[in-house]
Each structure stands twice: as C-alpha cells, then as structure tokens.
Amino acid sequence: MAYQEQYSYDYQTYPVYDNRVPTGIWYIDQLLQGGFRKGEIYLVAGEAGQGKTIFSLQFLKTGAELYDEPGLYITIDEPSEDVKRGVRESLGWDLEALETQNKLVFLDLRTHFRTYAKEEKVTADPREIAKIILEYVKKFGIKRLVIDPIAPLIITSHTDILWVREYMRELVFQLRKIKDITTLMTSEIPTGENKISRFGVEEYLASGVIKLELMEYRGFVFRVMFIRKMRWTAVRPQKLVFEIYPQYGIYILDRLENFMKQIDIWYANLSQQAQALPAT
C-alpha cells in the first residue's frame, strides 16, 4: 500500500495534453509525455490473465469519464455482459452507467466469424469489419477504440500464415483511415511462448507495444509491464512492476530494477536478523 500512496493522484487534477490520449495509468502517461499519440494504433500483449482487458477498459473509462471521449469496446471471444460483470465484481467499475450515457459502447462481433457462426457461409473481411466499426464511430462520436483480442478477427481456419499476415495488414490499414481515433488492440500470447503477438506481425503494424507478464524473483511473484516500443515518443524500453487494485485498476508500483533492489534489501535484513539471534 505504501507504493500506492506514493504515486497517488487526484482524478480531478489529471492533466490534459495536446495530441496525446491519456491511458488512465498515471505513471505510464508521465513516461509517454501525456499518453498515447492521438490517432495511432497500439498493442497490449500477454498470456491469459495478465490484465490486458483491464488495461483496455481503463483506457476507455478514462476517456469517457475525464475527457468526454466516447469509447467503443469490441469483443470477439467473450460476451460483453461477462466483461462488464467481471470488472464490476472485481474492481467496482460500473461500466453500464457509462453505457447508458453512450460514453461507452460495447460491440459483440462473435457472430460475424466462422468460429461462432451457425452458418458455414459467414466470413470475416477486413474491409467489412472496418465498415461496421466506422458505422459505430459515426453514430456515437467514438474517439477511443479497443479490439479485445485481435486474433479472432482472423479466419482461424486459414493455415497460410502469409495470407493471415496480409489480412492483418489490410485490417490495420483500414483502421488507420478512420481519422482521430486512437486504437488499442490486445493479443493473447500462448502460455510458455516467448512471443509478442499471435501471428508475428501485429507488433510491426502497431505504433507502440506493451507486454504484460508475470515474473518470479527470490520467491516473490509479481506483475511486470514491459514498454517494448513507442514510436515517435522519447521513452526507452523498460520494465515496470504493477498491481491491480479495486477502483484504481492498473497501478504502477516501481521500475523493475528498483523493485528487485528492495527485495534484495529485505533478504539482506532478514539474513542479518537471523545471524543476530542467540544460539540455542
């Protein structure tokens, strides 16, 4: 809790930056000179359960509540009702209130894809997907877009990886044509694999890449956020330790190197105390 108090901030005084879109994670926004670059596409990757959906919803929630920027959340492999119920029970976020005000819009595209469709003829074309998204953007004045996750937008029955990559490039190209919309895509990395994205092309198409992972050090297991790439932003690649708190969501505790030093100091003190104990 000491770390949380150290970096505590007041939502009412959260600064506004020109040409930047704050993520809602205060420490990250300071590193990125105010947040993501407006109109760009970003990728948040990680194994299942690392906080990708919470990162995405925190990004949308911040825009809706603090900047009057309506957000569109596109879900493919999980019903939107499950997502809303999950963050309400775990974090206390009432996203349905924002939905009622049209500040946050949920779009379930599961039935547009062969994996979920009852009819075999249903296919997913990147231009058609972009057209559907554009309709919602115009209708609700969307400024922030999340696709969580990006992989199911691919027709998974296709075995030609080159075709899949070209499909992804075309989809990203279509999304970039939607001006002034800042897009966040998530990518689930298969457990145990040292990859950044499912198809090996998403990270090259995105303007920035953040990887969420677990790390173990001297018996401690903690969450790590790896800022791997941020195009057009003067920030070096670095790893940060974070936690997920009710109400706050994702909260940066410290840089990884500092966090590990604190663990080393704790172990050193523990060792000294053990040596100082009287012999029995």
C-alpha atoms as a PDB file:
ATOM      1  CA  MET A   1       0.000   0.000   0.000  1.00  0.00           C
ATOM      2  CA  ALA A   2       2.956   2.324   0.566  1.00  0.00           C
ATOM      3  CA  TYR A   3       3.676   2.340  -3.137  1.00  0.00           C
ATOM      4  CA  GLN A   4       0.082   3.198  -3.961  1.00  0.00           C
ATOM      5  CA  GLU A   5       0.156   6.160  -1.578  1.00  0.00           C
ATOM      6  CA  GLN A   6       3.482   7.311  -3.027  1.00  0.00           C
ATOM      7  CA  TYR A   7       2.062   7.577  -6.535  1.00  0.00           C
ATOM      8  CA  SER A   8      -1.476   8.617  -5.554  1.00  0.00           C
ATOM      9  CA  TYR A   9      -3.119  11.309  -7.659  1.00  0.00           C
ATOM     10  CA  ASP A  10      -6.390  13.180  -7.897  1.00  0.00           C
ATOM     11  CA  TYR A  11      -8.551  12.386 -10.935  1.00  0.00           C
ATOM     12  CA  GLN A  12      -9.850  15.972 -10.887  1.00  0.00           C
ATOM     13  CA  THR A  13      -6.357  17.382 -11.464  1.00  0.00           C
ATOM     14  CA  TYR A  14      -5.317  14.851 -14.093  1.00  0.00           C
ATOM     15  CA  PRO A  15      -3.569  16.952 -16.790  1.00  0.00           C
ATOM     16  CA  VAL A  16      -4.662  17.330 -20.421  1.00  0.00           C
ATOM     17  CA  TYR A  17      -2.069  17.065 -23.179  1.00  0.00           C
ATOM     18  CA  ASP A  18      -2.239  18.278 -26.770  1.00  0.00           C
ATOM     19  CA  ASN A  19      -2.212  15.495 -29.348  1.00  0.00           C
ATOM     20  CA  ARG A  20      -1.999  12.857 -26.585  1.00  0.00           C
ATOM     21  CA  VAL A  21      -4.539  10.390 -25.244  1.00  0.00           C
ATOM     22  CA  PRO A  22      -4.014   9.541 -21.545  1.00  0.00           C
ATOM     23  CA  THR A  23      -4.263   5.854 -20.715  1.00  0.00           C
ATOM     24  CA  GLY A  24      -5.551   6.424 -17.177  1.00  0.00           C
ATOM     25  CA  ILE A  25      -2.387   4.884 -15.717  1.00  0.00           C
ATOM     26  CA  TRP A  26      -0.726   7.966 -14.245  1.00  0.00           C
ATOM     27  CA  TYR A  27       2.871   6.724 -14.240  1.00  0.00           C
ATOM     28  CA  ILE A  28       2.628   5.494 -17.844  1.00  0.00           C
ATOM     29  CA  ASP A  29       1.157   8.791 -19.020  1.00  0.00           C
ATOM     30  CA  GLN A  30       4.089  10.667 -17.485  1.00  0.00           C
ATOM     31  CA  LEU A  31       6.578   8.398 -19.262  1.00  0.00           C
ATOM     32  CA  LEU A  32       4.771   8.769 -22.585  1.00  0.00           C
ATOM     33  CA  GLN A  33       4.649  12.560 -22.393  1.00  0.00           C
ATOM     34  CA  GLY A  34       0.917  12.534 -21.797  1.00  0.00           C
ATOM     35  CA  GLY A  35      -0.197   9.155 -23.104  1.00  0.00           C
ATOM     36  CA  PHE A  36      -0.643   7.529 -26.494  1.00  0.00           C
ATOM     37  CA  ARG A  37      -0.321   9.629 -29.639  1.00  0.00           C
ATOM     38  CA  LYS A  38      -3.770  10.558 -30.872  1.00  0.00           C
ATOM     39  CA  GLY A  39      -4.904   8.626 -33.947  1.00  0.00           C
ATOM     40  CA  GLU A  40      -2.322   5.825 -33.641  1.00  0.00           C
ATOM     41  CA  ILE A  41      -2.741   2.076 -33.085  1.00  0.00           C
ATOM     42  CA  TYR A  42      -1.251   0.327 -30.041  1.00  0.00           C
ATOM     43  CA  LEU A  43      -0.839  -3.292 -28.995  1.00  0.00           C
ATOM     44  CA  VAL A  44      -1.057  -4.731 -25.468  1.00  0.00           C
ATOM     45  CA  ALA A  45       0.115  -8.345 -25.398  1.00  0.00           C
ATOM     46  CA  GLY A  46       0.420 -11.050 -22.765  1.00  0.00           C
ATOM     47  CA  GLU A  47      -0.623 -14.507 -21.659  1.00  0.00           C
ATOM     48  CA  ALA A  48      -4.150 -15.109 -20.391  1.00  0.00           C
ATOM     49  CA  GLY A  49      -4.980 -13.401 -17.098  1.00  0.00           C
ATOM     50  CA  GLN A  50      -2.240 -10.763 -17.165  1.00  0.00           C
ATOM     51  CA  GLY A  51      -4.544  -7.698 -17.242  1.00  0.00           C
ATOM     52  CA  LYS A  52      -4.968  -6.922 -20.947  1.00  0.00           C
ATOM     53  CA  THR A  53      -8.730  -6.430 -20.711  1.00  0.00           C
ATOM     54  CA  ILE A  54      -8.412  -4.269 -17.591  1.00  0.00           C
ATOM     55  CA  PHE A  55      -5.774  -2.128 -19.335  1.00  0.00           C
ATOM     56  CA  SER A  56      -8.138  -1.720 -22.296  1.00  0.00           C
ATOM     57  CA  LEU A  57     -11.186  -0.829 -20.218  1.00  0.00           C
ATOM     58  CA  GLN A  58      -9.164   1.573 -18.053  1.00  0.00           C
ATOM     59  CA  PHE A  59      -8.131   3.330 -21.275  1.00  0.00           C
ATOM     60  CA  LEU A  60     -11.774   3.637 -22.369  1.00  0.00           C
ATOM     61  CA  LYS A  61     -13.089   4.512 -18.912  1.00  0.00           C
ATOM     62  CA  THR A  62     -10.564   7.344 -18.541  1.00  0.00           C
ATOM     63  CA  GLY A  63     -11.595   8.865 -21.851  1.00  0.00           C
ATOM     64  CA  ALA A  64     -15.308   8.585 -21.094  1.00  0.00           C
ATOM     65  CA  GLU A  65     -15.168   9.966 -17.542  1.00  0.00           C
ATOM     66  CA  LEU A  66     -12.444  12.621 -17.755  1.00  0.00           C
ATOM     67  CA  TYR A  67     -12.202  13.811 -21.351  1.00  0.00           C
ATOM     68  CA  ASP A  68     -15.688  13.395 -22.821  1.00  0.00           C
ATOM     69  CA  GLU A  69     -14.252  10.966 -25.379  1.00  0.00           C
ATOM     70  CA  PRO A  70     -16.728   8.165 -26.141  1.00  0.00           C
ATOM     71  CA  GLY A  71     -15.161   4.717 -26.421  1.00  0.00           C
ATOM     72  CA  LEU A  72     -16.021   1.592 -28.406  1.00  0.00           C
ATOM     73  CA  TYR A  73     -15.122  -1.818 -26.967  1.00  0.00           C
ATOM     74  CA  ILE A  74     -15.199  -4.658 -29.486  1.00  0.00           C
ATOM     75  CA  THR A  75     -15.263  -8.142 -28.026  1.00  0.00           C
ATOM     76  CA  ILE A  76     -14.962 -11.312 -30.062  1.00  0.00           C
ATOM     77  CA  ASP A  77     -14.399 -14.317 -27.823  1.00  0.00           C
ATOM     78  CA  GLU A  78     -16.178 -13.238 -24.613  1.00  0.00           C
ATOM     79  CA  PRO A  79     -19.709 -11.846 -24.243  1.00  0.00           C
ATOM     80  CA  SER A  80     -19.724  -8.176 -23.306  1.00  0.00           C
ATOM     81  CA  GLU A  81     -22.077  -8.891 -20.398  1.00  0.00           C
ATOM     82  CA  ASP A  82     -19.440 -11.169 -18.891  1.00  0.00           C
ATOM     83  CA  VAL A  83     -16.807  -8.451 -19.273  1.00  0.00           C
ATOM     84  CA  LYS A  84     -18.959  -5.826 -17.564  1.00  0.00           C
ATOM     85  CA  ARG A  85     -19.925  -8.168 -14.755  1.00  0.00           C
ATOM     86  CA  GLY A  86     -16.307  -9.202 -14.249  1.00  0.00           C
ATOM     87  CA  VAL A  87     -14.922  -5.690 -13.737  1.00  0.00           C
ATOM     88  CA  ARG A  88     -17.920  -4.690 -11.623  1.00  0.00           C
ATOM     89  CA  GLU A  89     -17.350  -7.576  -9.222  1.00  0.00           C
ATOM     90  CA  SER A  90     -13.543  -7.408  -9.137  1.00  0.00           C
ATOM     91  CA  LEU A  91     -12.867  -3.663  -9.452  1.00  0.00           C
ATOM     92  CA  GLY A  92     -16.157  -1.957  -8.635  1.00  0.00           C
ATOM     93  CA  TRP A  93     -16.370  -0.317 -12.072  1.00  0.00           C
ATOM     94  CA  ASP A  94     -19.923   0.439 -13.185  1.00  0.00           C
ATOM     95  CA  LEU A  95     -19.469   0.451 -16.951  1.00  0.00           C
ATOM     96  CA  GLU A  96     -23.202   0.117 -17.555  1.00  0.00           C
ATOM     97  CA  ALA A  97     -23.672   3.670 -16.266  1.00  0.00           C
ATOM     98  CA  LEU A  98     -21.285   4.933 -18.958  1.00  0.00           C
ATOM     99  CA  GLU A  99     -23.036   2.731 -21.495  1.00  0.00           C
ATOM    100  CA  THR A 100     -26.394   4.305 -20.637  1.00  0.00           C
ATOM    101  CA  GLN A 101     -24.892   7.740 -21.372  1.00  0.00           C
ATOM    102  CA  ASN A 102     -23.455   6.490 -24.708  1.00  0.00           C
ATOM    103  CA  LYS A 103     -19.969   7.284 -23.426  1.00  0.00           C
ATOM    104  CA  LEU A 104     -19.001   3.629 -23.682  1.00  0.00           C
ATOM    105  CA  VAL A 105     -20.337   1.356 -26.399  1.00  0.00           C
ATOM    106  CA  PHE A 106     -19.977  -2.427 -26.478  1.00  0.00           C
ATOM    107  CA  LEU A 107     -19.995  -4.285 -29.789  1.00  0.00           C
ATOM    108  CA  ASP A 108     -20.078  -8.074 -29.853  1.00  0.00           C
ATOM    109  CA  LEU A 109     -18.720  -9.326 -33.196  1.00  0.00           C
ATOM    110  CA  ARG A 110     -18.686 -13.014 -32.342  1.00  0.00           C
ATOM    111  CA  THR A 111     -21.500 -13.908 -34.742  1.00  0.00           C
ATOM    112  CA  HIS A 112     -19.585 -12.369 -37.665  1.00  0.00           C
ATOM    113  CA  PHE A 113     -16.960 -15.081 -37.581  1.00  0.00           C
ATOM    114  CA  ARG A 114     -16.925 -18.666 -38.664  1.00  0.00           C
ATOM    115  CA  THR A 115     -15.793 -19.928 -35.261  1.00  0.00           C
ATOM    116  CA  TYR A 116     -19.061 -18.793 -33.679  1.00  0.00           C
ATOM    117  CA  ALA A 117     -21.471 -18.556 -36.594  1.00  0.00           C
ATOM    118  CA  LYS A 118     -24.127 -21.201 -37.167  1.00  0.00           C
ATOM    119  CA  GLU A 119     -23.961 -20.795 -40.937  1.00  0.00           C
ATOM    120  CA  GLU A 120     -20.823 -22.005 -42.707  1.00  0.00           C
ATOM    121  CA  LYS A 121     -21.033 -19.145 -45.214  1.00  0.00           C
ATOM    122  CA  VAL A 122     -20.237 -16.466 -42.628  1.00  0.00           C
ATOM    123  CA  THR A 123     -16.760 -14.992 -43.231  1.00  0.00           C
ATOM    124  CA  ALA A 124     -14.827 -12.001 -41.950  1.00  0.00           C
ATOM    125  CA  ASP A 125     -13.463  -9.483 -44.433  1.00  0.00           C
ATOM    126  CA  PRO A 126     -11.194  -6.699 -43.089  1.00  0.00           C
ATOM    127  CA  ARG A 127     -12.991  -4.042 -45.127  1.00  0.00           C
ATOM    128  CA  GLU A 128     -16.360  -5.237 -43.837  1.00  0.00           C
ATOM    129  CA  ILE A 129     -15.079  -5.163 -40.259  1.00  0.00           C
ATOM    130  CA  ALA A 130     -13.784  -1.621 -40.742  1.00  0.00           C
ATOM    131  CA  LYS A 131     -17.135  -0.631 -42.244  1.00  0.00           C
ATOM    132  CA  ILE A 132     -19.009  -1.938 -39.192  1.00  0.00           C
ATOM    133  CA  ILE A 133     -16.637  -0.086 -36.872  1.00  0.00           C
ATOM    134  CA  LEU A 134     -16.961   3.122 -38.878  1.00  0.00           C
ATOM    135  CA  GLU A 135     -20.747   2.996 -38.553  1.00  0.00           C
ATOM    136  CA  TYR A 136     -20.439   2.931 -34.757  1.00  0.00           C
ATOM    137  CA  VAL A 137     -17.757   5.629 -34.798  1.00  0.00           C
ATOM    138  CA  LYS A 138     -20.045   7.990 -36.693  1.00  0.00           C
ATOM    139  CA  LYS A 139     -23.164   7.113 -34.719  1.00  0.00           C
ATOM    140  CA  PHE A 140     -21.635   7.629 -31.255  1.00  0.00           C
ATOM    141  CA  GLY A 141     -18.794  10.060 -31.988  1.00  0.00           C
ATOM    142  CA  ILE A 142     -16.209   7.483 -30.946  1.00  0.00           C
ATOM    143  CA  LYS A 143     -12.705   8.741 -30.089  1.00  0.00           C
ATOM    144  CA  ARG A 144     -11.207   5.638 -28.471  1.00  0.00           C
ATOM    145  CA  LEU A 145     -11.410   2.120 -29.887  1.00  0.00           C
ATOM    146  CA  VAL A 146     -10.477  -1.227 -28.310  1.00  0.00           C
ATOM    147  CA  ILE A 147     -10.381  -4.611 -30.061  1.00  0.00           C
ATOM    148  CA  ASP A 148     -10.014  -7.285 -27.380  1.00  0.00           C
ATOM    149  CA  PRO A 149      -8.453  -9.528 -28.632  1.00  0.00           C
ATOM    150  CA  ILE A 150      -7.334  -9.037 -32.218  1.00  0.00           C
ATOM    151  CA  ALA A 151      -6.605 -12.690 -33.131  1.00  0.00           C
ATOM    152  CA  PRO A 152     -10.222 -13.892 -33.531  1.00  0.00           C
ATOM    153  CA  LEU A 153     -10.710 -11.240 -36.216  1.00  0.00           C
ATOM    154  CA  ILE A 154      -8.711 -13.627 -38.381  1.00  0.00           C
ATOM    155  CA  ILE A 155     -10.472 -16.544 -40.043  1.00  0.00           C
ATOM    156  CA  THR A 156      -8.694 -19.126 -37.931  1.00  0.00           C
ATOM    157  CA  SER A 157      -9.328 -21.969 -40.372  1.00  0.00           C
ATOM    158  CA  HIS A 158      -6.818 -20.365 -42.759  1.00  0.00           C
ATOM    159  CA  THR A 159      -3.485 -22.194 -42.488  1.00  0.00           C
ATOM    160  CA  ASP A 160      -1.461 -19.914 -44.776  1.00  0.00           C
ATOM    161  CA  ILE A 161       0.461 -17.622 -42.408  1.00  0.00           C
ATOM    162  CA  LEU A 162       1.330 -15.234 -45.255  1.00  0.00           C
ATOM    163  CA  TRP A 163      -2.376 -14.826 -46.023  1.00  0.00           C
ATOM    164  CA  VAL A 164      -3.094 -14.196 -42.337  1.00  0.00           C
ATOM    165  CA  ARG A 165      -0.408 -11.507 -42.166  1.00  0.00           C
ATOM    166  CA  GLU A 166      -1.687  -9.765 -45.279  1.00  0.00           C
ATOM    167  CA  TYR A 167      -5.189  -9.899 -43.825  1.00  0.00           C
ATOM    168  CA  MET A 168      -3.917  -8.243 -40.639  1.00  0.00           C
ATOM    169  CA  ARG A 169      -2.081  -5.545 -42.599  1.00  0.00           C
ATOM    170  CA  GLU A 170      -5.228  -4.750 -44.546  1.00  0.00           C
ATOM    171  CA  LEU A 171      -7.306  -4.537 -41.349  1.00  0.00           C
ATOM    172  CA  VAL A 172      -4.816  -2.166 -39.691  1.00  0.00           C
ATOM    173  CA  PHE A 173      -4.657  -0.094 -42.868  1.00  0.00           C
ATOM    174  CA  GLN A 174      -8.442   0.245 -42.848  1.00  0.00           C
ATOM    175  CA  LEU A 175      -8.444   1.237 -39.171  1.00  0.00           C
ATOM    176  CA  ARG A 176      -5.813   3.923 -39.790  1.00  0.00           C
ATOM    177  CA  LYS A 177      -8.161   5.502 -42.323  1.00  0.00           C
ATOM    178  CA  ILE A 178     -10.580   6.257 -39.501  1.00  0.00           C
ATOM    179  CA  LYS A 179      -9.121   9.629 -38.544  1.00  0.00           C
ATOM    180  CA  ASP A 180      -8.642  10.906 -34.962  1.00  0.00           C
ATOM    181  CA  ILE A 181      -9.463   7.522 -33.430  1.00  0.00           C
ATOM    182  CA  THR A 182      -6.881   6.079 -31.047  1.00  0.00           C
ATOM    183  CA  THR A 183      -6.976   2.285 -31.224  1.00  0.00           C
ATOM    184  CA  LEU A 184      -5.833  -0.287 -28.693  1.00  0.00           C
ATOM    185  CA  MET A 185      -5.589  -3.936 -29.740  1.00  0.00           C
ATOM    186  CA  THR A 186      -4.841  -6.822 -27.399  1.00  0.00           C
ATOM    187  CA  SER A 187      -3.056 -10.022 -28.330  1.00  0.00           C
ATOM    188  CA  GLU A 188      -3.001 -13.201 -26.262  1.00  0.00           C
ATOM    189  CA  ILE A 189       0.362 -14.960 -26.239  1.00  0.00           C
ATOM    190  CA  PRO A 190       0.179 -18.758 -25.940  1.00  0.00           C
ATOM    191  CA  THR A 191       1.314 -19.884 -22.484  1.00  0.00           C
ATOM    192  CA  GLY A 192       5.035 -20.604 -22.317  1.00  0.00           C
ATOM    193  CA  GLU A 193       5.927 -18.980 -25.626  1.00  0.00           C
ATOM    194  CA  ASN A 194       8.327 -16.047 -25.825  1.00  0.00           C
ATOM    195  CA  LYS A 195       6.356 -14.083 -28.407  1.00  0.00           C
ATOM    196  CA  ILE A 196       4.817 -10.620 -28.630  1.00  0.00           C
ATOM    197  CA  SER A 197       1.800 -11.477 -30.755  1.00  0.00           C
ATOM    198  CA  ARG A 198      -0.128 -14.456 -32.067  1.00  0.00           C
ATOM    199  CA  PHE A 199       0.807 -14.080 -35.751  1.00  0.00           C
ATOM    200  CA  GLY A 200       4.154 -12.313 -35.528  1.00  0.00           C
ATOM    201  CA  VAL A 201       3.053  -9.228 -37.449  1.00  0.00           C
ATOM    202  CA  GLU A 202       0.837  -7.224 -35.083  1.00  0.00           C
ATOM    203  CA  GLU A 203       3.793  -5.658 -33.255  1.00  0.00           C
ATOM    204  CA  TYR A 204       5.226  -4.327 -36.527  1.00  0.00           C
ATOM    205  CA  LEU A 205       1.941  -2.718 -37.516  1.00  0.00           C
ATOM    206  CA  ALA A 206       1.356  -1.004 -34.169  1.00  0.00           C
ATOM    207  CA  SER A 207       2.877   2.346 -33.186  1.00  0.00           C
ATOM    208  CA  GLY A 208       3.525   1.058 -29.681  1.00  0.00           C
ATOM    209  CA  VAL A 209       3.775  -2.301 -27.932  1.00  0.00           C
ATOM    210  CA  ILE A 210       3.283  -3.064 -24.231  1.00  0.00           C
ATOM    211  CA  LYS A 211       3.729  -6.593 -22.915  1.00  0.00           C
ATOM    212  CA  LEU A 212       2.199  -7.766 -19.619  1.00  0.00           C
ATOM    213  CA  GLU A 213       3.811 -10.722 -17.889  1.00  0.00           C
ATOM    214  CA  LEU A 214       4.498 -12.464 -14.585  1.00  0.00           C
ATOM    215  CA  MET A 215       7.985 -12.602 -13.085  1.00  0.00           C
ATOM    216  CA  GLU A 216       9.449 -14.566 -10.182  1.00  0.00           C
ATOM    217  CA  TYR A 217      12.434 -13.343  -8.199  1.00  0.00           C
ATOM    218  CA  ARG A 218      13.733 -14.843  -4.973  1.00  0.00           C
ATOM    219  CA  GLY A 219      10.398 -16.391  -4.151  1.00  0.00           C
ATOM    220  CA  PHE A 220       8.302 -13.318  -4.995  1.00  0.00           C
ATOM    221  CA  VAL A 221       5.888 -13.444  -7.931  1.00  0.00           C
ATOM    222  CA  PHE A 222       4.725 -10.106  -9.347  1.00  0.00           C
ATOM    223  CA  ARG A 223       3.255  -8.481 -12.427  1.00  0.00           C
ATOM    224  CA  VAL A 224       5.541  -6.731 -14.929  1.00  0.00           C
ATOM    225  CA  MET A 225       4.682  -4.267 -17.700  1.00  0.00           C
ATOM    226  CA  PHE A 226       7.285  -4.156 -20.471  1.00  0.00           C
ATOM    227  CA  ILE A 227       7.200  -0.975 -22.558  1.00  0.00           C
ATOM    228  CA  ARG A 228       8.822  -2.514 -25.601  1.00  0.00           C
ATOM    229  CA  LYS A 229       8.171   0.028 -28.350  1.00  0.00           C
ATOM    230  CA  MET A 230       6.741   3.551 -28.575  1.00  0.00           C
ATOM    231  CA  ARG A 231       7.136   5.149 -31.974  1.00  0.00           C
ATOM    232  CA  TRP A 232       7.537   8.951 -32.018  1.00  0.00           C
ATOM    233  CA  THR A 233       7.906   9.078 -28.226  1.00  0.00           C
ATOM    234  CA  ALA A 234      11.186   9.674 -26.394  1.00  0.00           C
ATOM    235  CA  VAL A 235      10.997   6.768 -23.950  1.00  0.00           C
ATOM    236  CA  ARG A 236      13.443   3.908 -23.619  1.00  0.00           C
ATOM    237  CA  PRO A 237      12.277   0.281 -23.418  1.00  0.00           C
ATOM    238  CA  GLN A 238      11.789  -0.536 -19.755  1.00  0.00           C
ATOM    239  CA  LYS A 239      10.027  -2.857 -17.337  1.00  0.00           C
ATOM    240  CA  LEU A 240       7.695  -1.691 -14.560  1.00  0.00           C
ATOM    241  CA  VAL A 241       6.146  -3.612 -11.688  1.00  0.00           C
ATOM    242  CA  PHE A 242       2.395  -3.115 -11.375  1.00  0.00           C
ATOM    243  CA  GLU A 243      -0.583  -4.298  -9.379  1.00  0.00           C
ATOM    244  CA  ILE A 244      -4.341  -4.257  -9.960  1.00  0.00           C
ATOM    245  CA  TYR A 245      -6.378  -2.522  -7.235  1.00  0.00           C
ATOM    246  CA  PRO A 246     -10.162  -2.193  -6.807  1.00  0.00           C
ATOM    247  CA  GLN A 247     -11.404   1.165  -8.156  1.00  0.00           C
ATOM    248  CA  TYR A 248      -7.941   2.149  -9.439  1.00  0.00           C
ATOM    249  CA  GLY A 249      -7.363  -0.697 -11.869  1.00  0.00           C
ATOM    250  CA  ILE A 250      -3.747  -0.993 -13.048  1.00  0.00           C
ATOM    251  CA  TYR A 251      -1.329   0.863 -10.786  1.00  0.00           C
ATOM    252  CA  ILE A 252       2.445   1.131 -11.306  1.00  0.00           C
ATOM    253  CA  LEU A 253       4.470   0.340  -8.193  1.00  0.00           C
ATOM    254  CA  ASP A 254       8.028   0.969  -9.355  1.00  0.00           C
ATOM    255  CA  ARG A 255      10.635   0.257 -12.005  1.00  0.00           C
ATOM    256  CA  LEU A 256      11.624  -3.403 -12.073  1.00  0.00           C
ATOM    257  CA  GLU A 257      15.248  -2.743 -11.141  1.00  0.00           C
ATOM    258  CA  ASN A 258      14.198  -0.708  -8.086  1.00  0.00           C
ATOM    259  CA  PHE A 259      11.670  -3.330  -7.029  1.00  0.00           C
ATOM    260  CA  MET A 260      14.279  -6.089  -7.213  1.00  0.00           C
ATOM    261  CA  LYS A 261      16.710  -3.997  -5.147  1.00  0.00           C
ATOM    262  CA  GLN A 262      14.049  -3.661  -2.450  1.00  0.00           C
ATOM    263  CA  ILE A 263      13.677  -7.442  -2.400  1.00  0.00           C
ATOM    264  CA  ASP A 264      17.453  -7.823  -2.094  1.00  0.00           C
ATOM    265  CA  ILE A 265      17.490  -5.365   0.821  1.00  0.00           C
ATOM    266  CA  TRP A 266      14.667  -7.279   2.515  1.00  0.00           C
ATOM    267  CA  TYR A 267      16.594 -10.539   2.187  1.00  0.00           C
ATOM    268  CA  ALA A 268      19.794  -8.900   3.482  1.00  0.00           C
ATOM    269  CA  ASN A 269      17.982  -7.544   6.547  1.00  0.00           C
ATOM    270  CA  LEU A 270      16.353 -10.911   7.153  1.00  0.00           C
ATOM    271  CA  SER A 271      19.754 -12.602   6.995  1.00  0.00           C
ATOM    272  CA  GLN A 272      21.260 -10.109   9.448  1.00  0.00           C
ATOM    273  CA  GLN A 273      18.388 -10.660  11.869  1.00  0.00           C
ATOM    274  CA  ALA A 274      18.867 -14.431  11.644  1.00  0.00           C
ATOM    275  CA  GLN A 275      22.586 -14.091  12.356  1.00  0.00           C
ATOM    276  CA  ALA A 276      21.891 -11.854  15.358  1.00  0.00           C
ATOM    277  CA  LEU A 277      19.657 -14.433  17.014  1.00  0.00           C
ATOM    278  CA  PRO A 278      21.265 -16.113  20.031  1.00  0.00           C
ATOM    279  CA  ALA A 279      22.465 -19.645  19.511  1.00  0.00           C
ATOM    280  CA  THR A 280      20.331 -22.364  21.097  1.00  0.00           C
END
